[in-house]
Amino acid sequence: MTQIIHARMTASITELKKSPMDTILSGQGEAVAILNRNTPAFYCIPAELYENMLEQLDDIELNKIADSRLSQKRIQVDLNDL
């Protein structure tokens, strides 16, 4: 069975066990696909990339909320009245 690998770099679980930091550094800031018997088992990603991904997902969710509220009636508010 063929599978798409969503990373430019790959490493085996054995390589990861031998030197975890070298494995992640080999990706040069990108994800590294960890293979088990030539099949992707998981992706190892640097903390900075993971944080960026979470931020982008959060932005997508916030945009969905904002888009859903576009059709709502607007209420004028004066800050002095608050």
Protein backbone atom coordinates (compact mmCIF):
# COMPACT_ATOMS: atom_id res chain seq x y z
CA MET A 1 0.00 0.00 0.00
CA THR A 2 1.37 3.40 -0.94
CA GLN A 3 1.08 6.41 1.30
CA ILE A 4 1.79 10.08 0.81
CA ILE A 5 4.51 11.42 3.06
CA HIS A 6 3.88 15.03 4.04
CA ALA A 7 7.50 15.91 4.77
CA ARG A 8 10.67 16.50 2.81
CA MET A 9 12.78 14.56 5.31
CA THR A 10 12.25 11.07 6.68
CA ALA A 11 13.94 9.06 9.41
CA SER A 12 13.43 5.65 10.91
CA ILE A 13 12.35 5.07 14.48
CA THR A 14 15.80 3.58 15.05
CA GLU A 15 17.46 6.81 13.92
CA LEU A 16 15.12 8.81 16.16
CA LYS A 17 15.97 6.64 19.18
CA LYS A 18 19.69 6.91 18.45
CA SER A 19 19.75 10.70 18.23
CA PRO A 20 16.45 12.55 18.70
CA MET A 21 17.90 16.04 18.43
CA ASP A 22 19.93 15.24 15.31
CA THR A 23 16.78 13.81 13.74
CA ILE A 24 14.71 16.93 14.38
CA LEU A 25 17.59 19.22 13.36
CA SER A 26 17.92 17.34 10.05
CA GLY A 27 14.51 18.75 9.10
CA GLN A 28 15.94 22.29 9.22
CA GLY A 29 12.82 23.72 10.86
CA GLU A 30 10.36 21.54 8.96
CA ALA A 31 8.55 18.33 9.87
CA VAL A 32 10.39 15.01 9.72
CA ALA A 33 8.32 11.93 8.92
CA ILE A 34 9.24 9.07 11.25
CA LEU A 35 8.89 5.77 9.44
CA ASN A 36 8.10 2.37 10.86
CA ARG A 37 8.75 -0.32 8.25
CA ASN A 38 8.75 2.32 5.50
CA THR A 39 5.33 3.63 6.55
CA PRO A 40 4.87 7.01 8.25
CA ALA A 41 4.18 6.40 11.94
CA PHE A 42 4.15 10.06 12.99
CA TYR A 43 5.65 13.44 12.24
CA CYS A 44 8.26 15.04 14.45
CA ILE A 45 8.15 18.83 14.29
CA PRO A 46 10.11 21.60 16.01
CA ALA A 47 8.33 23.50 18.79
CA GLU A 48 8.31 26.76 16.79
CA LEU A 49 6.56 25.10 13.84
CA TYR A 50 4.02 23.47 16.16
CA GLU A 51 3.27 26.81 17.83
CA ASN A 52 2.81 28.46 14.42
CA MET A 53 0.44 25.69 13.34
CA LEU A 54 -1.66 26.12 16.49
CA GLU A 55 -1.78 29.88 15.94
CA GLN A 56 -2.94 29.42 12.35
CA LEU A 57 -5.64 26.97 13.43
CA ASP A 58 -6.80 29.45 16.07
CA ASP A 59 -6.91 32.20 13.43
CA ILE A 60 -9.04 29.98 11.17
CA GLU A 61 -11.50 29.37 14.00
CA LEU A 62 -11.67 33.09 14.84
CA ASN A 63 -12.28 33.92 11.17
CA LYS A 64 -15.15 31.41 11.08
CA ILE A 65 -16.72 33.13 14.10
CA ALA A 66 -16.25 36.57 12.56
CA ASP A 67 -17.70 35.41 9.22
CA SER A 68 -20.74 33.92 10.96
CA ARG A 69 -21.38 37.27 12.65
CA LEU A 70 -21.21 39.37 9.48
CA SER A 71 -24.95 39.10 8.90
CA GLN A 72 -25.89 40.01 12.46
CA LYS A 73 -27.55 43.33 13.19
CA ARG A 74 -25.07 46.01 14.28
CA ILE A 75 -25.69 48.04 17.41
CA GLN A 76 -24.21 51.52 17.76
CA VAL A 77 -22.54 52.04 21.13
CA ASP A 78 -21.11 55.22 22.57
CA LEU A 79 -18.20 54.59 24.90
CA ASN A 80 -19.34 57.47 27.13
CA ASP A 81 -22.63 55.63 27.75
CA LEU A 82 -20.82 52.61 29.09
